[in-house]
PDB file of N, CA and C in Angstrom:
ATOM      1  N   MET A   1       4.138  13.193  -6.722  1.00  0.00           N
ATOM      2  CA  MET A   1       2.574  12.768  -5.811  1.00  0.00           C
ATOM      3  C   MET A   1       2.948  12.535  -4.275  1.00  0.00           C
ATOM      4  N   ASN A   2       2.213  13.516  -3.895  1.00  0.00           N
ATOM      5  CA  ASN A   2       2.144  13.265  -2.397  1.00  0.00           C
ATOM      6  C   ASN A   2       1.101  12.564  -1.966  1.00  0.00           C
ATOM      7  N   LEU A   3       0.553  12.465  -0.671  1.00  0.00           N
ATOM      8  CA  LEU A   3      -0.551  11.455  -0.102  1.00  0.00           C
ATOM      9  C   LEU A   3      -1.873  12.790  -0.151  1.00  0.00           C
ATOM     10  N   ASN A   4      -1.753  13.402   0.023  1.00  0.00           N
ATOM     11  CA  ASN A   4      -3.011  14.343  -0.120  1.00  0.00           C
ATOM     12  C   ASN A   4      -3.927  14.353  -1.537  1.00  0.00           C
ATOM     13  N   LEU A   5      -2.821  14.237  -2.334  1.00  0.00           N
ATOM     14  CA  LEU A   5      -2.800  14.675  -4.182  1.00  0.00           C
ATOM     15  C   LEU A   5      -3.800  13.013  -4.269  1.00  0.00           C
ATOM     16  N   PHE A   6      -2.803  12.371  -3.950  1.00  0.00           N
ATOM     17  CA  PHE A   6      -3.118  10.927  -4.114  1.00  0.00           C
ATOM     18  C   PHE A   6      -4.853  10.428  -3.607  1.00  0.00           C
ATOM     19  N   ASN A   7      -4.721  10.546  -2.039  1.00  0.00           N
ATOM     20  CA  ASN A   7      -5.995  10.785  -1.537  1.00  0.00           C
ATOM     21  C   ASN A   7      -7.325  11.174  -2.427  1.00  0.00           C
ATOM     22  N   THR A   8      -7.222  12.367  -3.230  1.00  0.00           N
ATOM     23  CA  THR A   8      -8.047  13.020  -3.757  1.00  0.00           C
ATOM     24  C   THR A   8      -8.889  12.112  -5.343  1.00  0.00           C
ATOM     25  N   HIS A   9      -8.290  10.977  -5.640  1.00  0.00           N
ATOM     26  CA  HIS A   9      -8.269   9.892  -6.770  1.00  0.00           C
ATOM     27  C   HIS A   9      -9.701   9.260  -6.269  1.00  0.00           C
ATOM     28  N   THR A  10     -10.172   8.611  -7.240  1.00  0.00           N
ATOM     29  CA  THR A  10     -11.063   7.516  -6.997  1.00  0.00           C
ATOM     30  C   THR A  10     -10.318   6.267  -6.337  1.00  0.00           C
ATOM     31  N   LEU A  11     -11.053   5.258  -6.276  1.00  0.00           N
ATOM     32  CA  LEU A  11     -10.145   4.036  -6.199  1.00  0.00           C
ATOM     33  C   LEU A  11      -9.321   3.888  -7.213  1.00  0.00           C
ATOM     34  N   ALA A  12     -10.166   3.404  -8.436  1.00  0.00           N
ATOM     35  CA  ALA A  12      -9.677   3.364  -9.839  1.00  0.00           C
ATOM     36  C   ALA A  12      -8.592   4.252 -10.227  1.00  0.00           C
ATOM     37  N   GLY A  13      -8.405   5.300  -9.382  1.00  0.00           N
ATOM     38  CA  GLY A  13      -7.504   6.053  -9.797  1.00  0.00           C
ATOM     39  C   GLY A  13      -6.408   6.022  -8.904  1.00  0.00           C
ATOM     40  N   ARG A  14      -6.775   5.280  -7.616  1.00  0.00           N
ATOM     41  CA  ARG A  14      -5.400   5.211  -6.905  1.00  0.00           C
ATOM     42  C   ARG A  14      -4.742   4.083  -7.178  1.00  0.00           C
ATOM     43  N   LEU A  15      -5.454   2.963  -7.876  1.00  0.00           N
ATOM     44  CA  LEU A  15      -4.983   1.836  -8.191  1.00  0.00           C
ATOM     45  C   LEU A  15      -3.682   2.273  -9.630  1.00  0.00           C
ATOM     46  N   GLU A  16      -4.614   2.968 -10.206  1.00  0.00           N
ATOM     47  CA  GLU A  16      -3.396   3.555 -11.656  1.00  0.00           C
ATOM     48  C   GLU A  16      -1.792   4.167 -10.949  1.00  0.00           C
ATOM     49  N   ILE A  17      -2.224   5.008 -10.076  1.00  0.00           N
ATOM     50  CA  ILE A  17      -0.881   5.465  -9.551  1.00  0.00           C
ATOM     51  C   ILE A  17       0.249   4.620  -9.210  1.00  0.00           C
ATOM     52  N   ILE A  18      -0.733   3.580  -8.405  1.00  0.00           N
ATOM     53  CA  ILE A  18       0.310   2.368  -7.554  1.00  0.00           C
ATOM     54  C   ILE A  18       0.807   1.670  -9.030  1.00  0.00           C
ATOM     55  N   TRP A  19       0.177   0.944  -9.681  1.00  0.00           N
ATOM     56  CA  TRP A  19       0.692   0.378 -10.712  1.00  0.00           C
ATOM     57  C   TRP A  19       1.316   0.732 -11.519  1.00  0.00           C
ATOM     58  N   ALA A  20       1.726   2.411 -11.689  1.00  0.00           N
ATOM     59  CA  ALA A  20       2.300   2.849 -12.608  1.00  0.00           C
ATOM     60  C   ALA A  20       3.523   3.595 -12.133  1.00  0.00           C
ATOM     61  N   HIS A  21       3.769   4.306 -10.477  1.00  0.00           N
ATOM     62  CA  HIS A  21       4.575   4.500 -10.292  1.00  0.00           C
ATOM     63  C   HIS A  21       5.195   3.572  -8.437  1.00  0.00           C
ATOM     64  N   GLY A  22       3.627   2.815  -8.183  1.00  0.00           N
ATOM     65  CA  GLY A  22       4.831   2.441  -6.916  1.00  0.00           C
ATOM     66  C   GLY A  22       5.743   1.006  -6.821  1.00  0.00           C
ATOM     67  N   ASP A  23       6.355   0.547  -5.907  1.00  0.00           N
ATOM     68  CA  ASP A  23       7.621   0.074  -5.872  1.00  0.00           C
ATOM     69  C   ASP A  23       6.786  -1.411  -5.038  1.00  0.00           C
ATOM     70  N   PHE A  24       6.479  -2.508  -5.125  1.00  0.00           N
ATOM     71  CA  PHE A  24       5.849  -3.792  -4.591  1.00  0.00           C
ATOM     72  C   PHE A  24       6.620  -4.192  -3.163  1.00  0.00           C
ATOM     73  N   ILE A  25       6.349  -3.950  -1.851  1.00  0.00           N
ATOM     74  CA  ILE A  25       7.165  -4.060  -1.068  1.00  0.00           C
ATOM     75  C   ILE A  25       7.185  -5.470  -0.629  1.00  0.00           C
ATOM     76  N   ALA A  26       5.622  -5.916  -0.117  1.00  0.00           N
ATOM     77  CA  ALA A  26       5.185  -7.021   0.777  1.00  0.00           C
ATOM     78  C   ALA A  26       3.951  -7.105   0.738  1.00  0.00           C
ATOM     79  N   ASN A  27       3.686  -8.717   0.629  1.00  0.00           N
ATOM     80  CA  ASN A  27       2.087  -8.695   0.972  1.00  0.00           C
ATOM     81  C   ASN A  27       1.749  -9.480   2.501  1.00  0.00           C
ATOM     82  N   ARG A  28       0.464  -9.678   3.045  1.00  0.00           N
ATOM     83  CA  ARG A  28       0.011 -10.006   3.950  1.00  0.00           C
ATOM     84  C   ARG A  28      -0.846 -10.410   3.841  1.00  0.00           C
ATOM     85  N   GLY A  29      -2.031 -11.265   4.762  1.00  0.00           N
ATOM     86  CA  GLY A  29      -3.397 -11.933   4.902  1.00  0.00           C
ATOM     87  C   GLY A  29      -4.051 -11.146   5.987  1.00  0.00           C
ATOM     88  N   ARG A  30      -5.273 -11.051   5.894  1.00  0.00           N
ATOM     89  CA  ARG A  30      -5.987 -10.568   7.201  1.00  0.00           C
ATOM     90  C   ARG A  30      -7.371 -10.345   6.755  1.00  0.00           C
ATOM     91  N   ARG A  31      -7.974 -11.586   7.534  1.00  0.00           N
ATOM     92  CA  ARG A  31      -9.116 -11.405   7.406  1.00  0.00           C
ATOM     93  C   ARG A  31      -9.872 -11.822   6.453  1.00  0.00           C
ATOM     94  N   GLY A  32      -9.321 -12.726   5.479  1.00  0.00           N
ATOM     95  CA  GLY A  32      -9.859 -13.352   3.971  1.00  0.00           C
ATOM     96  C   GLY A  32      -9.286 -12.335   3.015  1.00  0.00           C
ATOM     97  N   TYR A  33      -8.080 -11.299   3.232  1.00  0.00           N
ATOM     98  CA  TYR A  33      -8.087 -10.100   2.265  1.00  0.00           C
ATOM     99  C   TYR A  33      -6.507 -10.836   2.213  1.00  0.00           C
ATOM    100  N   ARG A  34      -6.409 -10.512   0.552  1.00  0.00           N
ATOM    101  CA  ARG A  34      -4.996 -10.518   0.056  1.00  0.00           C
ATOM    102  C   ARG A  34      -4.262  -8.773   0.149  1.00  0.00           C
ATOM    103  N   ILE A  35      -3.535  -8.540   0.869  1.00  0.00           N
ATOM    104  CA  ILE A  35      -2.970  -6.853   1.491  1.00  0.00           C
ATOM    105  C   ILE A  35      -1.698  -6.846   0.774  1.00  0.00           C
ATOM    106  N   GLU A  36      -1.672  -6.129  -0.311  1.00  0.00           N
ATOM    107  CA  GLU A  36      -0.398  -5.615  -0.916  1.00  0.00           C
ATOM    108  C   GLU A  36       0.456  -4.008  -0.244  1.00  0.00           C
ATOM    109  N   LEU A  37       1.598  -4.197  -0.184  1.00  0.00           N
ATOM    110  CA  LEU A  37       1.760  -2.586   0.304  1.00  0.00           C
ATOM    111  C   LEU A  37       3.314  -2.487  -0.919  1.00  0.00           C
ATOM    112  N   TYR A  38       3.187  -1.323  -1.072  1.00  0.00           N
ATOM    113  CA  TYR A  38       3.903  -0.469  -2.100  1.00  0.00           C
ATOM    114  C   TYR A  38       4.463   0.561  -1.398  1.00  0.00           C
ATOM    115  N   ASN A  39       5.519   1.023  -1.870  1.00  0.00           N
ATOM    116  CA  ASN A  39       6.050   2.299  -1.408  1.00  0.00           C
ATOM    117  C   ASN A  39       6.074   3.628  -2.718  1.00  0.00           C
ATOM    118  N   LEU A  40       5.655   4.735  -2.829  1.00  0.00           N
ATOM    119  CA  LEU A  40       5.171   5.367  -3.507  1.00  0.00           C
ATOM    120  C   LEU A  40       6.431   6.985  -3.031  1.00  0.00           C
ATOM    121  N   GLY A  41       7.165   6.472  -2.683  1.00  0.00           N
ATOM    122  CA  GLY A  41       8.154   7.634  -2.466  1.00  0.00           C
ATOM    123  C   GLY A  41       7.974   8.514  -1.030  1.00  0.00           C
ATOM    124  N   SER A  42       7.056   9.203  -1.045  1.00  0.00           N
ATOM    125  CA  SER A  42       7.130  10.308   0.269  1.00  0.00           C
ATOM    126  C   SER A  42       6.173   9.486   0.908  1.00  0.00           C
ATOM    127  N   PHE A  43       5.020   8.473   0.376  1.00  0.00           N
ATOM    128  CA  PHE A  43       4.142   7.656   1.553  1.00  0.00           C
ATOM    129  C   PHE A  43       3.975   6.095   0.683  1.00  0.00           C
ATOM    130  N   PHE A  44       3.388   5.199   1.729  1.00  0.00           N
ATOM    131  CA  PHE A  44       3.245   4.199   1.688  1.00  0.00           C
ATOM    132  C   PHE A  44       1.342   3.585   1.080  1.00  0.00           C
ATOM    133  N   ALA A  45       1.179   2.469   0.261  1.00  0.00           N
ATOM    134  CA  ALA A  45      -0.471   2.534   0.212  1.00  0.00           C
ATOM    135  C   ALA A  45      -0.116   0.999   0.066  1.00  0.00           C
ATOM    136  N   GLU A  46      -1.610   0.390   0.418  1.00  0.00           N
ATOM    137  CA  GLU A  46      -2.017  -0.662   0.355  1.00  0.00           C
ATOM    138  C   GLU A  46      -3.446  -0.939  -0.261  1.00  0.00           C
ATOM    139  N   ILE A  47      -3.054  -2.026  -0.912  1.00  0.00           N
ATOM    140  CA  ILE A  47      -4.429  -2.452  -2.005  1.00  0.00           C
ATOM    141  C   ILE A  47      -4.651  -3.476  -1.084  1.00  0.00           C
ATOM    142  N   TRP A  48      -5.877  -3.724  -0.516  1.00  0.00           N
ATOM    143  CA  TRP A  48      -6.882  -4.602  -0.076  1.00  0.00           C
ATOM    144  C   TRP A  48      -7.841  -5.302  -1.140  1.00  0.00           C
ATOM    145  N   TYR A  49      -7.523  -6.989  -1.296  1.00  0.00           N
ATOM    146  CA  TYR A  49      -7.803  -7.609  -2.308  1.00  0.00           C
ATOM    147  C   TYR A  49      -9.016  -8.764  -1.825  1.00  0.00           C
ATOM    148  N   ASN A  50      -9.752  -8.991  -1.809  1.00  0.00           N
ATOM    149  CA  ASN A  50     -10.454 -10.151  -1.733  1.00  0.00           C
ATOM    150  C   ASN A  50     -10.553 -11.199  -2.508  1.00  0.00           C
ATOM    151  N   PRO A  51      -9.633 -12.195  -2.693  1.00  0.00           N
ATOM    152  CA  PRO A  51      -9.738 -13.430  -3.579  1.00  0.00           C
ATOM    153  C   PRO A  51     -11.001 -14.023  -3.495  1.00  0.00           C
ATOM    154  N   GLU A  52     -11.379 -14.154  -2.878  1.00  0.00           N
ATOM    155  CA  GLU A  52     -12.896 -15.252  -3.040  1.00  0.00           C
ATOM    156  C   GLU A  52     -13.965 -14.620  -3.871  1.00  0.00           C
ATOM    157  N   ASN A  53     -14.180 -13.380  -3.863  1.00  0.00           N
ATOM    158  CA  ASN A  53     -14.764 -12.653  -4.991  1.00  0.00           C
ATOM    159  C   ASN A  53     -14.291 -11.810  -6.057  1.00  0.00           C
ATOM    160  N   ASP A  54     -12.849 -11.831  -5.382  1.00  0.00           N
ATOM    161  CA  ASP A  54     -11.891 -11.361  -7.058  1.00  0.00           C
ATOM    162  C   ASP A  54     -12.508  -9.286  -6.936  1.00  0.00           C
ATOM    163  N   TYR A  55     -12.531  -9.176  -6.214  1.00  0.00           N
ATOM    164  CA  TYR A  55     -12.932  -7.826  -5.748  1.00  0.00           C
ATOM    165  C   TYR A  55     -11.742  -6.812  -4.882  1.00  0.00           C
ATOM    166  N   ILE A  56     -11.272  -5.866  -5.437  1.00  0.00           N
ATOM    167  CA  ILE A  56     -10.573  -4.724  -4.442  1.00  0.00           C
ATOM    168  C   ILE A  56     -11.621  -3.949  -3.385  1.00  0.00           C
ATOM    169  N   SER A  57     -11.432  -4.259  -2.138  1.00  0.00           N
ATOM    170  CA  SER A  57     -12.045  -3.561  -1.680  1.00  0.00           C
ATOM    171  C   SER A  57     -11.492  -1.930  -1.030  1.00  0.00           C
ATOM    172  N   LEU A  58     -10.406  -2.060  -0.941  1.00  0.00           N
ATOM    173  CA  LEU A  58      -9.656  -0.410  -0.325  1.00  0.00           C
ATOM    174  C   LEU A  58      -8.564  -0.267  -0.997  1.00  0.00           C
ATOM    175  N   VAL A  59      -7.948   0.752  -1.595  1.00  0.00           N
ATOM    176  CA  VAL A  59      -6.949   1.475  -1.434  1.00  0.00           C
ATOM    177  C   VAL A  59      -6.496   2.579  -0.724  1.00  0.00           C
ATOM    178  N   ARG A  60      -5.789   2.466   0.146  1.00  0.00           N
ATOM    179  CA  ARG A  60      -5.227   3.732   0.855  1.00  0.00           C
ATOM    180  C   ARG A  60      -3.471   4.085   1.199  1.00  0.00           C
ATOM    181  N   GLY A  61      -3.605   4.896   1.288  1.00  0.00           N
ATOM    182  CA  GLY A  61      -2.189   5.718   1.358  1.00  0.00           C
ATOM    183  C   GLY A  61      -2.012   6.285   2.582  1.00  0.00           C
ATOM    184  N   PHE A  62      -0.769   6.315   3.418  1.00  0.00           N
ATOM    185  CA  PHE A  62      -0.556   6.332   4.792  1.00  0.00           C
ATOM    186  C   PHE A  62       0.777   6.832   4.447  1.00  0.00           C
ATOM    187  N   THR A  63       1.152   7.622   5.473  1.00  0.00           N
ATOM    188  CA  THR A  63       2.106   8.051   5.881  1.00  0.00           C
ATOM    189  C   THR A  63       2.630   7.182   7.220  1.00  0.00           C
ATOM    190  N   SER A  64       1.803   6.725   8.254  1.00  0.00           N
ATOM    191  CA  SER A  64       1.970   6.189   9.739  1.00  0.00           C
ATOM    192  C   SER A  64       2.873   5.062   9.555  1.00  0.00           C
ATOM    193  N   ASN A  65       3.916   5.285  10.588  1.00  0.00           N
ATOM    194  CA  ASN A  65       5.249   4.120  11.185  1.00  0.00           C
ATOM    195  C   ASN A  65       4.122   2.612  11.956  1.00  0.00           C
ATOM    196  N   LYS A  66       2.855   3.383  12.548  1.00  0.00           N
ATOM    197  CA  LYS A  66       2.125   1.912  12.833  1.00  0.00           C
ATOM    198  C   LYS A  66       1.626   0.983  11.731  1.00  0.00           C
ATOM    199  N   ALA A  67       1.161   1.854  10.948  1.00  0.00           N
ATOM    200  CA  ALA A  67       0.075   0.915  10.213  1.00  0.00           C
ATOM    201  C   ALA A  67       1.265  -0.378   8.982  1.00  0.00           C
ATOM    202  N   LEU A  68       2.847  -0.027   8.961  1.00  0.00           N
ATOM    203  CA  LEU A  68       3.420  -0.597   8.357  1.00  0.00           C
ATOM    204  C   LEU A  68       4.256  -1.714   9.431  1.00  0.00           C
ATOM    205  N   GLU A  69       3.741  -1.599  10.528  1.00  0.00           N
ATOM    206  CA  GLU A  69       4.227  -2.748  11.635  1.00  0.00           C
ATOM    207  C   GLU A  69       3.635  -4.256  11.393  1.00  0.00           C
ATOM    208  N   PRO A  70       2.444  -4.466  10.469  1.00  0.00           N
ATOM    209  CA  PRO A  70       2.420  -6.047   9.956  1.00  0.00           C
ATOM    210  C   PRO A  70       3.093  -6.421   9.244  1.00  0.00           C
ATOM    211  N   TYR A  71       4.516  -5.426   8.681  1.00  0.00           N
ATOM    212  CA  TYR A  71       5.201  -6.098   7.647  1.00  0.00           C
ATOM    213  C   TYR A  71       6.736  -6.177   8.389  1.00  0.00           C
ATOM    214  N   ILE A  72       6.735  -5.606   9.489  1.00  0.00           N
ATOM    215  CA  ILE A  72       8.066  -5.462   9.997  1.00  0.00           C
ATOM    216  C   ILE A  72       8.758  -7.159   9.879  1.00  0.00           C
ATOM    217  N   LYS A  73       8.265  -8.626   9.852  1.00  0.00           N
ATOM    218  CA  LYS A  73       8.744  -9.441  10.129  1.00  0.00           C
ATOM    219  C   LYS A  73       9.470  -9.742   8.615  1.00  0.00           C
ATOM    220  N   GLN A  74       8.500  -9.280   7.671  1.00  0.00           N
ATOM    221  CA  GLN A  74       8.773  -9.671   5.974  1.00  0.00           C
ATOM    222  C   GLN A  74       9.991  -8.819   5.621  1.00  0.00           C
ATOM    223  N   VAL A  75       9.960  -7.783   5.632  1.00  0.00           N
ATOM    224  CA  VAL A  75      11.089  -7.032   4.894  1.00  0.00           C
ATOM    225  C   VAL A  75      11.931  -5.815   5.938  1.00  0.00           C
ATOM    226  N   ASP A  76      13.475  -5.288   5.580  1.00  0.00           N
ATOM    227  CA  ASP A  76      13.688  -4.436   6.506  1.00  0.00           C
ATOM    228  C   ASP A  76      13.191  -3.141   5.485  1.00  0.00           C
ATOM    229  N   LEU A  77      12.417  -2.746   6.065  1.00  0.00           N
ATOM    230  CA  LEU A  77      11.783  -1.151   5.768  1.00  0.00           C
ATOM    231  C   LEU A  77      12.743  -0.002   5.996  1.00  0.00           C
ATOM    232  N   MET A  78      13.642  -0.377   6.870  1.00  0.00           N
ATOM    233  CA  MET A  78      14.844   0.778   7.419  1.00  0.00           C
ATOM    234  C   MET A  78      15.552   0.874   6.040  1.00  0.00           C
ATOM    235  N   GLU A  79      16.048   0.234   5.197  1.00  0.00           N
ATOM    236  CA  GLU A  79      16.891   0.363   4.240  1.00  0.00           C
ATOM    237  C   GLU A  79      16.321   1.321   3.335  1.00  0.00           C
ATOM    238  N   MET A  80      14.735   1.785   3.620  1.00  0.00           N
ATOM    239  CA  MET A  80      14.191   2.444   2.508  1.00  0.00           C
ATOM    240  C   MET A  80      14.485   3.809   2.886  1.00  0.00           C
ATOM    241  N   PHE A  81      14.698   4.367   4.134  1.00  0.00           N
ATOM    242  CA  PHE A  81      14.666   5.889   4.697  1.00  0.00           C
ATOM    243  C   PHE A  81      16.430   6.286   4.656  1.00  0.00           C
ATOM    244  N   ASP A  82      16.453   7.221   4.256  1.00  0.00           N
ATOM    245  CA  ASP A  82      17.458   7.864   4.416  1.00  0.00           C
ATOM    246  C   ASP A  82      18.007   8.080   5.815  1.00  0.00           C
ATOM    247  N   TRP A  83      18.652   7.812   6.400  1.00  0.00           N
ATOM    248  CA  TRP A  83      19.237   7.797   7.980  1.00  0.00           C
ATOM    249  C   TRP A  83      20.859   8.200   7.903  1.00  0.00           C
TER     250      TRP A  83
END
C-alpha cells in the first residue's frame, strides 16, 4: 500500500486499511479531537475523532516530517527509520 493508493479510498476504506495494516504509535488532543497516529510502512496516517459527538471527521495519510512534530515528545520516531 502506498500513500497515493490509500488516498483514493473513501474515509471508511481508509479506516479499514489502518485498522487492518496500521501499527498504532501515539495519540494527542487538539481542539476537542482525539488524534491517533498509525504507521503504515511507507507513510503515516492520522484518525481525527471527536468524542463529543462520537464522529470521525478526518482520516489522512502523509509522509511529511513536519506533520510528525506534534508527536515527538511522546515517542521516539527515529527508531522506525532505517538509518
